[in-house]
Amino acid sequence: MATAFSSDGEAALRRELRAAVAAAPRSDLDGFYEMGRAAVFVRDGGFRKVALQFPDELLADAVEVAGRLEAATGAEMFVLGDTTYGSCCVDEVAAEHVGAEAVLHYGPACLSPCRKLPVLHIFGQQPLDVGRCAEAFRELYPEQQSCVVVLSDVVYAHAMGELEQQLRPEYPNIIFSRLVCGDSPGPAVPGEERKFGRQFLVEAAGGLQDYAMFYVGAEGLALTSFMLTWNCCPFSSFNPITGCGRRETLNVNRALMRRLYLVERARDASVVGILVGTLGVAGYLTVLQHLRVLLCRAGKRNYTLAVGKPNPAKLANFLEVDIFVLVACAQNSLLDSSDFYRPVVTPYELELACNPAREWTGNYLTDFRDLLPGACAHVELPPAVPAAEAVPDVSLISGKMRATHLCGSPTSQLPPSTALACRDQTRALAEISPAASFLESRSWQGLEQQLGQTPISKAVQGRRGIAIAYEDEGCEE
């Protein structure tokens, strides 16, 4: 962790930058990027300005793809050079900066619904050896009556139809999920699962717990989210890059214990930083307001922070914050904060810590929209309890007493980030923030100004060059 906070920057200054190698050969651009489908989407929508969003590994083809689409549609194409958050989310903010009327999103996607602009997802048809994948499936599930749900990374979704044709005659109880971009129309029927942009129907009497999961794709955040969410199901996977199938050995119980430990840290926290990790997923503003109300009712002060992609160095600037909660898409919400100065939790984990009415049921939620009013997992906040009648609670980490009851309505309290303090000897009152209170408690508070004590001198020429190698480095003055 020390390396993240103290670095001379030499590695960054001397790092050689090279253009990313495109995942598809130049001769197959039309097929890999589905140019015909993209052109139909633009023409049928009547769009005159379209934003193209590529992940880093596909940026090498961006100029040629944009040129071909402009020639085929007559619309003006803009390539988004960088994304504020994860590349799996649609960057509507960057698209609106150029006045785009629609977005073509290329590469892996979390399939979170967007708020404003129409979006067409083109995942890129990565190659898959369907025969080898079917063979690995048979090795992992020799019993032909096995109940299995097949999930896949979005870049291999194009081959799932062929895989189903090979396995369906042999495995009558196999279920193939299908991708759903945006919100599914209509209410869910009994036994239907809708998560992570995947949709499938479980017809067994015992429900999903009687099924195993088979994932086609490389190991990553998507697979981890699947395993934590459907933790009652055994998982296996097939990696198309290595051509190997295996039973997943992630200790789900150990991972859940780690997440529940973070819930205890959230219960102990008095100042919480709400990290904005997306600006495009529908409902993110609603969940931000929901978290503010929840923290205020729980007696915790909060800051809302928009820092782009979080890293240890950025979040280390907010030392007064005890814990952070990340509002992001379902695929990026599980942030490994082991290298961070303060832990980072999900909105669901913060709800477990601050909402006494929510209990741990064994089901883990990574989509923050499930917590909102009207959603499947929404739990109303219980009535306020006077402090004198609150049941005492002891922290499992520090062993100290802590308050876990909910206060009254947030509208009747002070603003969540200010408090009253004595300003001077005249007993005048002034507002002071938690950050200022934290600064007063520190032994070192920064450089002293020493106003009027420093002599005035004329400006002199300083060193020239970059900090790692000044032009006069090593010369005697």
Protein backbone atom coordinates (compact mmCIF):
# COMPACT_ATOMS: atom_id res chain seq x y z
CA MET A 1 0.00 0.00 0.00
CA ALA A 2 2.93 2.34 0.65
CA THR A 3 3.94 2.24 -3.02
CA ALA A 4 0.60 3.69 -4.07
CA PHE A 5 1.12 6.77 -1.90
CA SER A 6 4.86 7.41 -2.34
CA SER A 7 6.34 7.20 -5.84
CA ASP A 8 8.97 9.32 -7.59
CA GLY A 9 7.03 9.02 -10.85
CA GLU A 10 10.03 7.74 -12.82
CA ALA A 11 8.15 4.71 -14.10
CA ALA A 12 5.33 6.88 -15.47
CA LEU A 13 7.72 9.32 -17.14
CA ARG A 14 9.79 6.63 -18.80
CA ARG A 15 6.92 4.31 -19.79
CA GLU A 16 6.75 3.68 -23.54
CA LEU A 17 3.30 4.11 -25.05
CA ARG A 18 2.26 1.90 -27.91
CA ALA A 19 -0.97 1.70 -29.87
CA ALA A 20 -3.21 -1.14 -28.81
CA VAL A 21 -3.41 -4.08 -31.18
CA ALA A 22 -6.87 -4.53 -32.64
CA ALA A 23 -8.66 -7.73 -31.68
CA ALA A 24 -9.87 -8.28 -35.27
CA PRO A 25 -7.84 -8.43 -38.48
CA ARG A 26 -8.22 -5.50 -40.83
CA SER A 27 -9.88 -7.65 -43.48
CA ASP A 28 -12.72 -8.61 -41.13
CA LEU A 29 -13.79 -5.18 -39.87
CA ASP A 30 -17.26 -5.46 -41.43
CA GLY A 31 -17.99 -8.74 -39.69
CA PHE A 32 -16.31 -8.08 -36.37
CA TYR A 33 -17.91 -4.66 -35.88
CA GLU A 34 -21.23 -5.60 -37.58
CA MET A 35 -21.07 -2.57 -39.83
CA GLY A 36 -24.33 -3.42 -41.59
CA ARG A 37 -26.34 -3.59 -38.35
CA ALA A 38 -24.77 -0.35 -37.10
CA ALA A 39 -25.58 1.45 -40.37
CA VAL A 40 -29.21 0.28 -40.25
CA PHE A 41 -29.50 1.52 -36.65
CA VAL A 42 -28.22 4.98 -37.61
CA ARG A 43 -30.32 5.31 -40.78
CA ASP A 44 -33.55 4.01 -39.23
CA GLY A 45 -33.17 6.34 -36.27
CA GLY A 46 -32.47 9.35 -38.45
CA PHE A 47 -29.44 10.28 -36.35
CA ARG A 48 -27.13 12.97 -37.72
CA LYS A 49 -24.52 12.91 -34.93
CA VAL A 50 -23.42 9.59 -33.43
CA ALA A 51 -20.78 8.89 -30.76
CA LEU A 52 -18.61 5.78 -31.07
CA GLN A 53 -17.28 4.38 -27.79
CA PHE A 54 -14.41 1.89 -27.95
CA PRO A 55 -12.46 0.17 -25.16
CA ASP A 56 -8.71 0.71 -25.13
CA GLU A 57 -7.90 -2.57 -26.89
CA LEU A 58 -10.09 -1.66 -29.90
CA LEU A 59 -9.15 2.01 -30.33
CA ALA A 60 -6.69 1.15 -33.12
CA ASP A 61 -9.66 0.47 -35.43
CA ALA A 62 -11.73 3.49 -34.36
CA VAL A 63 -10.76 5.84 -37.21
CA GLU A 64 -11.40 3.32 -39.96
CA VAL A 65 -14.72 2.19 -38.44
CA ALA A 66 -15.89 5.81 -38.11
CA GLY A 67 -14.91 6.56 -41.72
CA ARG A 68 -16.81 3.57 -43.08
CA LEU A 69 -19.91 4.40 -41.07
CA GLU A 70 -19.87 8.02 -42.24
CA ALA A 71 -19.65 6.86 -45.85
CA ALA A 72 -22.49 4.35 -45.36
CA THR A 73 -24.90 6.59 -43.42
CA GLY A 74 -23.98 10.21 -44.15
CA ALA A 75 -24.05 10.93 -40.41
CA GLU A 76 -21.26 12.64 -38.50
CA MET A 77 -19.29 10.23 -36.29
CA PHE A 78 -17.37 11.18 -33.13
CA VAL A 79 -14.94 8.81 -31.42
CA LEU A 80 -14.92 9.15 -27.62
CA GLY A 81 -11.26 9.29 -26.69
CA ASP A 82 -11.58 8.30 -23.05
CA THR A 83 -14.27 7.26 -20.61
CA THR A 84 -14.74 8.83 -17.20
CA TYR A 85 -15.51 5.50 -15.54
CA GLY A 86 -15.44 1.87 -16.69
CA SER A 87 -15.48 1.21 -20.43
CA CYS A 88 -18.30 -1.32 -19.94
CA CYS A 89 -20.73 1.55 -19.19
CA VAL A 90 -22.11 3.85 -21.89
CA ASP A 91 -20.51 7.28 -21.47
CA GLU A 92 -23.54 9.47 -22.13
CA VAL A 93 -21.86 12.55 -20.63
CA ALA A 94 -19.00 12.53 -23.16
CA ALA A 95 -21.49 11.87 -25.97
CA GLU A 96 -23.60 14.86 -24.94
CA HIS A 97 -20.54 17.12 -25.06
CA VAL A 98 -20.55 16.79 -28.86
CA GLY A 99 -24.33 16.87 -29.15
CA ALA A 100 -24.59 13.20 -30.14
CA GLU A 101 -28.09 11.85 -30.70
CA ALA A 102 -27.12 8.18 -30.21
CA VAL A 103 -24.21 5.99 -29.07
CA LEU A 104 -22.63 2.96 -30.68
CA HIS A 105 -20.95 1.06 -27.83
CA TYR A 106 -18.26 -1.43 -28.87
CA GLY A 107 -16.66 -4.23 -26.88
CA PRO A 108 -17.57 -5.78 -23.50
CA ALA A 109 -20.57 -4.18 -21.79
CA CYS A 110 -22.32 -4.45 -18.45
CA LEU A 111 -25.69 -3.94 -20.21
CA SER A 112 -26.90 -1.46 -17.60
CA PRO A 113 -29.88 0.57 -18.86
CA CYS A 114 -29.11 4.15 -19.89
CA ARG A 115 -31.01 7.30 -18.99
CA LYS A 116 -31.20 9.46 -22.11
CA LEU A 117 -29.61 8.43 -25.41
CA PRO A 118 -30.51 5.42 -27.58
CA VAL A 119 -27.67 2.89 -27.58
CA LEU A 120 -26.68 0.02 -29.85
CA HIS A 121 -24.29 -2.52 -28.31
CA ILE A 122 -21.84 -4.21 -30.67
CA PHE A 123 -19.81 -6.60 -28.58
CA GLY A 124 -17.34 -7.76 -31.21
CA GLN A 125 -17.57 -11.39 -32.23
CA GLN A 126 -14.58 -12.96 -30.53
CA PRO A 127 -13.75 -16.46 -31.85
CA LEU A 128 -14.99 -19.48 -29.91
CA ASP A 129 -14.18 -23.13 -30.57
CA VAL A 130 -17.72 -24.43 -30.11
CA GLY A 131 -16.69 -28.06 -30.49
CA ARG A 132 -14.04 -27.80 -27.78
CA CYS A 133 -16.48 -25.90 -25.52
CA ALA A 134 -19.12 -28.64 -25.93
CA GLU A 135 -16.48 -31.28 -25.18
CA ALA A 136 -15.45 -29.46 -21.99
CA PHE A 137 -19.12 -29.25 -20.97
CA ARG A 138 -19.52 -33.02 -21.37
CA GLU A 139 -16.42 -33.63 -19.27
CA LEU A 140 -17.70 -31.39 -16.47
CA TYR A 141 -21.27 -32.75 -16.58
CA PRO A 142 -21.17 -36.44 -17.59
CA GLU A 143 -24.71 -36.99 -16.30
CA GLN A 144 -27.06 -36.07 -19.16
CA GLN A 145 -29.94 -35.27 -16.79
CA SER A 146 -27.90 -32.48 -15.17
CA CYS A 147 -29.72 -29.18 -14.65
CA VAL A 148 -27.37 -26.47 -15.92
CA VAL A 149 -27.76 -22.78 -16.79
CA VAL A 150 -25.32 -21.60 -19.47
CA LEU A 151 -24.03 -18.02 -19.13
CA SER A 152 -21.52 -16.33 -21.39
CA ASP A 153 -19.45 -13.20 -21.73
CA VAL A 154 -21.09 -10.82 -24.17
CA VAL A 155 -18.29 -11.19 -26.72
CA TYR A 156 -19.12 -14.90 -27.11
CA ALA A 157 -22.91 -14.51 -27.23
CA HIS A 158 -22.91 -14.89 -31.03
CA ALA A 159 -21.83 -18.55 -30.70
CA MET A 160 -24.35 -19.63 -28.06
CA GLY A 161 -26.91 -20.68 -30.66
CA GLU A 162 -24.49 -23.14 -32.23
CA LEU A 163 -23.47 -24.44 -28.79
CA GLU A 164 -27.12 -24.97 -27.91
CA GLN A 165 -27.67 -27.00 -31.09
CA GLN A 166 -24.88 -29.35 -30.06
CA LEU A 167 -25.85 -29.79 -26.41
CA ARG A 168 -29.65 -29.60 -26.41
CA PRO A 169 -30.23 -33.11 -27.86
CA GLU A 170 -28.03 -34.65 -25.15
CA TYR A 171 -29.03 -32.49 -22.16
CA PRO A 172 -32.81 -31.95 -21.93
CA ASN A 173 -32.53 -29.88 -18.71
CA ILE A 174 -30.03 -27.34 -20.00
CA ILE A 175 -31.03 -23.65 -20.06
CA PHE A 176 -29.33 -20.99 -22.19
CA SER A 177 -29.57 -17.39 -20.99
CA ARG A 178 -30.16 -14.60 -23.47
CA LEU A 179 -28.85 -11.06 -23.44
CA VAL A 180 -31.23 -8.19 -22.74
CA CYS A 181 -29.98 -4.67 -23.48
CA GLY A 182 -31.76 -2.19 -21.20
CA ASP A 183 -34.81 -2.89 -19.09
CA SER A 184 -36.89 -5.92 -20.01
CA PRO A 185 -40.44 -5.08 -21.08
CA GLY A 186 -43.21 -6.28 -18.79
CA PRO A 187 -43.06 -7.84 -15.31
CA ALA A 188 -41.06 -10.97 -14.62
CA VAL A 189 -42.96 -14.27 -14.64
CA PRO A 190 -42.53 -16.81 -11.79
CA GLY A 191 -39.18 -18.56 -12.05
CA GLU A 192 -37.68 -15.96 -14.38
CA GLU A 193 -34.27 -14.51 -13.53
CA ARG A 194 -33.27 -11.04 -14.80
CA LYS A 195 -29.81 -9.97 -13.70
CA PHE A 196 -26.65 -8.55 -15.28
CA GLY A 197 -28.42 -8.11 -18.62
CA ARG A 198 -29.15 -11.85 -18.74
CA GLN A 199 -32.56 -13.43 -18.74
CA PHE A 200 -33.55 -17.08 -18.34
CA LEU A 201 -36.52 -19.09 -17.06
CA VAL A 202 -36.10 -21.81 -14.41
CA GLU A 203 -38.92 -24.34 -14.52
CA ALA A 204 -37.71 -26.78 -11.85
CA ALA A 205 -39.80 -27.03 -8.67
CA GLY A 206 -36.79 -26.38 -6.43
CA GLY A 207 -35.88 -23.18 -8.23
CA LEU A 208 -32.42 -21.99 -9.12
CA GLN A 209 -30.73 -23.77 -6.21
CA ASP A 210 -31.20 -27.10 -8.06
CA TYR A 211 -29.13 -25.85 -11.00
CA ALA A 212 -25.43 -25.58 -11.71
CA MET A 213 -23.92 -22.67 -13.68
CA PHE A 214 -21.64 -23.00 -16.72
CA TYR A 215 -19.88 -19.78 -17.76
CA VAL A 216 -18.24 -19.27 -21.15
CA GLY A 217 -15.61 -16.57 -20.81
CA ALA A 218 -12.36 -15.64 -19.12
CA GLU A 219 -12.00 -15.13 -15.38
CA GLY A 220 -12.86 -11.59 -14.29
CA LEU A 221 -15.24 -9.27 -12.47
CA ALA A 222 -18.29 -10.58 -14.33
CA LEU A 223 -17.72 -14.16 -13.18
CA THR A 224 -17.06 -13.02 -9.60
CA SER A 225 -20.31 -11.04 -9.54
CA PHE A 226 -22.21 -14.05 -10.88
CA MET A 227 -20.76 -16.36 -8.24
CA LEU A 228 -21.53 -14.02 -5.35
CA THR A 229 -25.06 -13.31 -6.57
CA TRP A 230 -25.98 -16.93 -7.32
CA ASN A 231 -23.93 -18.31 -4.41
CA CYS A 232 -26.26 -21.29 -3.96
CA CYS A 233 -25.21 -22.74 -7.32
CA PRO A 234 -21.94 -24.58 -8.10
CA PHE A 235 -20.03 -22.94 -10.94
CA SER A 236 -17.82 -24.19 -13.73
CA SER A 237 -16.35 -22.30 -16.66
CA PHE A 238 -14.74 -22.62 -20.07
CA ASN A 239 -11.99 -20.19 -21.02
CA PRO A 240 -12.03 -19.70 -24.82
CA ILE A 241 -8.51 -18.26 -24.77
CA THR A 242 -6.89 -21.33 -23.18
CA GLY A 243 -9.49 -23.85 -24.40
CA CYS A 244 -9.77 -25.35 -20.90
CA GLY A 245 -12.79 -26.03 -18.73
CA ARG A 246 -12.69 -26.22 -14.96
CA ARG A 247 -14.78 -26.21 -11.84
CA GLU A 248 -14.53 -22.83 -10.18
CA THR A 249 -12.81 -23.03 -6.82
CA LEU A 250 -13.51 -19.48 -5.58
CA ASN A 251 -14.30 -19.82 -1.91
CA VAL A 252 -17.62 -18.02 -2.01
CA ASN A 253 -18.08 -18.33 1.74
CA ARG A 254 -14.70 -16.71 2.35
CA ALA A 255 -15.51 -13.92 -0.11
CA LEU A 256 -18.85 -13.30 1.59
CA MET A 257 -17.15 -13.24 5.00
CA ARG A 258 -14.85 -10.53 3.67
CA ARG A 259 -17.85 -8.52 2.46
CA LEU A 260 -19.66 -8.97 5.80
CA TYR A 261 -16.54 -7.72 7.57
CA LEU A 262 -16.82 -4.55 5.48
CA VAL A 263 -20.44 -4.25 6.64
CA GLU A 264 -19.15 -4.14 10.22
CA ARG A 265 -16.66 -1.44 9.24
CA ALA A 266 -19.54 0.55 7.76
CA ARG A 267 -21.49 0.26 11.02
CA ASP A 268 -18.50 1.71 12.90
CA ALA A 269 -17.98 4.60 10.45
CA SER A 270 -19.07 8.10 11.37
CA VAL A 271 -18.10 9.86 8.09
CA VAL A 272 -18.94 8.17 4.78
CA GLY A 273 -17.80 9.19 1.30
CA ILE A 274 -20.26 8.43 -1.51
CA LEU A 275 -18.24 7.77 -4.67
CA VAL A 276 -20.02 8.48 -7.94
CA GLY A 277 -18.84 5.65 -10.19
CA THR A 278 -21.25 6.15 -13.09
CA LEU A 279 -23.09 8.96 -14.82
CA GLY A 280 -24.94 6.85 -17.37
CA VAL A 281 -26.72 4.04 -15.52
CA ALA A 282 -30.41 4.80 -15.03
CA GLY A 283 -31.37 5.53 -11.43
CA TYR A 284 -27.95 6.60 -10.15
CA LEU A 285 -29.25 10.00 -8.99
CA THR A 286 -32.11 8.32 -7.13
CA VAL A 287 -29.78 5.94 -5.30
CA LEU A 288 -27.46 8.83 -4.39
CA GLN A 289 -30.36 10.61 -2.70
CA HIS A 290 -31.44 7.35 -1.08
CA LEU A 291 -27.98 6.83 0.41
CA ARG A 292 -27.85 10.42 1.71
CA VAL A 293 -31.18 9.98 3.50
CA LEU A 294 -30.09 6.60 4.86
CA LEU A 295 -26.81 7.96 6.23
CA CYS A 296 -28.49 11.02 7.72
CA ARG A 297 -31.11 8.85 9.44
CA ALA A 298 -28.31 6.62 10.76
CA GLY A 299 -26.49 9.63 12.27
CA LYS A 300 -23.54 9.47 9.88
CA ARG A 301 -22.15 12.47 7.99
CA ASN A 302 -21.46 12.09 4.29
CA TYR A 303 -19.64 13.62 1.34
CA THR A 304 -20.52 13.00 -2.31
CA LEU A 305 -17.32 12.66 -4.35
CA ALA A 306 -16.89 12.51 -8.14
CA VAL A 307 -13.27 11.46 -8.68
CA GLY A 308 -13.56 9.43 -11.89
CA LYS A 309 -12.00 5.99 -11.68
CA PRO A 310 -11.13 5.49 -7.98
CA ASN A 311 -7.60 4.50 -7.02
CA PRO A 312 -5.69 4.46 -3.70
CA ALA A 313 -3.90 7.77 -4.33
CA LYS A 314 -7.12 9.68 -5.06
CA LEU A 315 -9.07 8.41 -2.08
CA ALA A 316 -6.11 8.89 0.28
CA ASN A 317 -6.74 12.65 -0.01
CA PHE A 318 -9.88 12.28 2.12
CA LEU A 319 -8.40 11.14 5.42
CA GLU A 320 -11.42 12.23 7.43
CA VAL A 321 -13.63 9.68 5.63
CA ASP A 322 -13.95 6.39 7.50
CA ILE A 323 -15.38 4.34 4.64
CA PHE A 324 -16.45 4.83 1.02
CA VAL A 325 -19.51 3.50 -0.80
CA LEU A 326 -19.20 3.11 -4.57
CA VAL A 327 -22.25 3.74 -6.78
CA ALA A 328 -21.37 1.96 -10.02
CA CYS A 329 -22.75 -0.60 -12.43
CA ALA A 330 -23.21 -4.16 -11.23
CA GLN A 331 -20.01 -5.30 -12.91
CA ASN A 332 -17.75 -2.65 -11.33
CA SER A 333 -19.33 -2.28 -7.88
CA LEU A 334 -17.23 -5.05 -6.29
CA LEU A 335 -14.01 -3.08 -5.91
CA ASP A 336 -11.09 -4.84 -4.23
CA SER A 337 -10.09 -2.21 -1.67
CA SER A 338 -7.30 -4.18 0.01
CA ASP A 339 -4.73 -1.63 -1.23
CA PHE A 340 -6.85 1.38 -0.27
CA TYR A 341 -6.36 3.49 2.84
CA ARG A 342 -10.07 3.13 3.66
CA PRO A 343 -12.45 0.30 2.67
CA VAL A 344 -14.89 0.62 -0.23
CA VAL A 345 -18.33 -1.02 0.07
CA THR A 346 -21.36 -1.39 -2.19
CA PRO A 347 -24.75 0.30 -1.65
CA TYR A 348 -26.21 -3.05 -0.60
CA GLU A 349 -23.54 -3.49 2.08
CA LEU A 350 -24.20 0.04 3.35
CA GLU A 351 -27.90 -0.82 3.57
CA LEU A 352 -27.07 -3.90 5.63
CA ALA A 353 -25.07 -1.69 7.97
CA CYS A 354 -27.47 1.24 8.34
CA ASN A 355 -30.98 -0.12 7.76
CA PRO A 356 -32.08 -2.17 10.80
CA ALA A 357 -35.00 -3.59 8.83
CA ARG A 358 -32.73 -5.24 6.24
CA GLU A 359 -31.41 -8.65 7.25
CA TRP A 360 -28.82 -10.88 5.64
CA THR A 361 -30.69 -13.65 3.78
CA GLY A 362 -27.80 -15.21 1.88
CA ASN A 363 -28.70 -13.39 -1.35
CA TYR A 364 -26.08 -10.87 -2.42
CA LEU A 365 -27.04 -7.86 -4.56
CA THR A 366 -24.65 -5.92 -6.77
CA ASP A 367 -27.20 -3.91 -8.79
CA PHE A 368 -28.06 -0.77 -6.81
CA ARG A 369 -31.37 -0.41 -8.65
CA ASP A 370 -32.68 -3.42 -6.71
CA LEU A 371 -32.60 -1.27 -3.54
CA LEU A 372 -34.79 1.54 -4.85
CA PRO A 373 -38.51 1.92 -4.02
CA GLY A 374 -40.60 -0.39 -6.17
CA ALA A 375 -37.70 -2.78 -6.85
CA CYS A 376 -37.61 -6.45 -5.91
CA ALA A 377 -35.31 -6.02 -2.89
CA HIS A 378 -36.43 -2.64 -1.53
CA VAL A 379 -36.86 -2.49 2.27
CA GLU A 380 -38.52 0.51 3.90
CA LEU A 381 -36.69 2.30 6.70
CA PRO A 382 -38.28 1.58 10.11
CA PRO A 383 -39.60 4.39 12.33
CA ALA A 384 -37.18 6.47 14.34
CA VAL A 385 -36.25 5.32 17.84
CA PRO A 386 -35.38 7.78 20.63
CA ALA A 387 -31.79 7.50 21.79
CA ALA A 388 -32.91 6.65 25.33
CA GLU A 389 -34.91 3.66 24.08
CA ALA A 390 -32.36 2.35 21.58
CA VAL A 391 -30.93 -1.12 22.14
CA PRO A 392 -27.15 -0.83 22.75
CA ASP A 393 -24.82 -2.49 20.29
CA VAL A 394 -21.15 -3.46 20.52
CA SER A 395 -18.77 -3.30 17.58
CA LEU A 396 -17.36 -6.70 16.61
CA ILE A 397 -14.14 -4.98 15.44
CA SER A 398 -13.28 -2.39 18.08
CA GLY A 399 -15.32 -3.74 20.99
CA LYS A 400 -16.76 -0.27 21.65
CA MET A 401 -20.38 0.75 22.08
CA ARG A 402 -22.03 2.24 19.02
CA ALA A 403 -25.43 3.62 18.03
CA THR A 404 -27.36 1.64 15.42
CA HIS A 405 -30.82 3.19 15.78
CA LEU A 406 -32.36 5.51 13.21
CA CYS A 407 -32.90 9.18 13.99
CA GLY A 408 -35.88 11.27 12.93
CA SER A 409 -36.61 12.71 9.53
CA PRO A 410 -33.51 14.26 7.90
CA THR A 411 -35.44 17.44 7.11
CA SER A 412 -35.60 18.32 10.81
CA GLN A 413 -31.85 18.05 11.34
CA LEU A 414 -28.81 20.12 10.50
CA PRO A 415 -27.29 19.73 7.03
CA PRO A 416 -25.36 16.44 6.79
CA SER A 417 -21.92 18.04 6.46
CA THR A 418 -21.92 20.97 8.92
CA ALA A 419 -21.90 21.48 12.68
CA LEU A 420 -21.70 24.41 15.09
CA ALA A 421 -18.45 25.35 16.80
CA CYS A 422 -17.16 28.22 18.91
CA ARG A 423 -15.27 30.63 16.63
CA ASP A 424 -13.43 32.94 19.08
CA GLN A 425 -13.37 34.31 22.63
CA THR A 426 -16.60 36.26 22.04
CA ARG A 427 -18.47 32.96 21.91
CA ALA A 428 -19.61 33.64 18.36
CA LEU A 429 -20.88 30.53 16.61
CA ALA A 430 -19.60 29.36 13.24
CA GLU A 431 -20.26 26.34 11.08
CA ILE A 432 -17.49 23.78 10.83
CA SER A 433 -17.32 20.70 8.60
CA PRO A 434 -16.12 17.22 9.58
CA ALA A 435 -13.05 17.80 7.40
CA ALA A 436 -12.14 20.90 9.42
CA SER A 437 -12.71 19.01 12.68
CA PHE A 438 -10.41 16.26 11.48
CA LEU A 439 -7.76 18.80 10.47
CA GLU A 440 -7.84 20.40 13.93
CA SER A 441 -7.16 17.02 15.55
CA ARG A 442 -4.01 16.42 13.49
CA SER A 443 -0.58 17.24 14.90
CA TRP A 444 0.60 18.66 11.52
CA GLN A 445 -1.83 20.89 9.64
CA GLY A 446 0.30 22.05 6.72
CA LEU A 447 2.77 24.88 6.15
CA GLU A 448 2.41 27.99 8.30
CA GLN A 449 1.61 31.17 6.40
CA GLN A 450 3.75 33.48 8.64
CA LEU A 451 2.10 36.59 7.21
CA GLY A 452 4.31 39.70 7.52
CA GLN A 453 7.33 37.70 8.73
CA THR A 454 8.83 36.67 5.39
CA PRO A 455 11.07 39.34 3.73
CA ILE A 456 10.11 40.46 0.23
CA SER A 457 12.66 39.65 -2.49
CA LYS A 458 12.85 39.97 -6.25
CA ALA A 459 11.97 37.04 -8.47
CA VAL A 460 14.91 34.90 -9.54
CA GLN A 461 15.23 32.34 -12.30
CA GLY A 462 14.61 28.82 -11.06
CA ARG A 463 15.48 25.40 -12.41
CA ARG A 464 14.44 24.35 -15.90
CA GLY A 465 13.36 20.95 -17.17
CA ILE A 466 11.35 18.17 -15.58
CA ALA A 467 11.63 17.29 -11.92
CA ILE A 468 13.34 13.98 -12.57
CA ALA A 469 16.22 15.55 -14.55
CA TYR A 470 16.72 19.33 -14.34
CA GLU A 471 19.00 20.91 -16.93
CA ASP A 472 21.47 22.04 -14.24
CA GLU A 473 21.27 18.79 -12.27
CA GLY A 474 24.58 18.04 -10.63
CA CYS A 475 26.11 21.45 -11.43
CA GLU A 476 27.45 23.66 -8.70
CA GLU A 477 25.83 27.09 -8.49
